[in-house]
Amino acid sequence: MKQELVKDWMSSDVITITPETTLPEAHQIMKNEEIRRLPVVDQVGRLVGIVSIGDIRAAEPSPATSLSIWEMNYLLSTLKVEKIMTPEPHTIRPDATIAEAARTMLEHRISGLPVVDQEHHVIGIITESDIFSMVVLHQWSAEHA
């Protein structure tokens, strides 16, 4: 199992956004696609950041705010992802092992890693769920071999 590679378990149909994407747009994409993180890329597809559902929730106003609903909606509609994203996130290469990916996630207390090529273009994403799936499938295979 240690020699399993990221490229064999990553999701390669990655949805990305740009730094100019608004907070409500990013939130809607996450809800529609049922995902918890979005890599943020520049005009040529190079990774510049990542935004998570936690980042979005943290940027939303508190119920105790003195702003009116219209003021809050206006402010949220103009807030760009570049203001709340994590710049230069931890990444992994497709030829790295699953063990390396898991170690990186544990060390940095993160639940997903963008997978990038040599030019830093996003080609996939590997998450805790992908690793859990691999472990379960390997365990299932071992029990039924």
Foldseek 3Di string as FASTA:
>chain_A
DQQAWQLVQFAQVADAAAQQDALVRVVVVCVVVVHFKHFHAPPVQAGFFMDGPVLSVVPQDDPPDPDDPVVSVVVRRRHTNNVRTGTPDAAAERNHTPVVVVVVCVVVVHFKHFYADPVRGGRGMDGVVSVVVVVVVVVVVVVVD
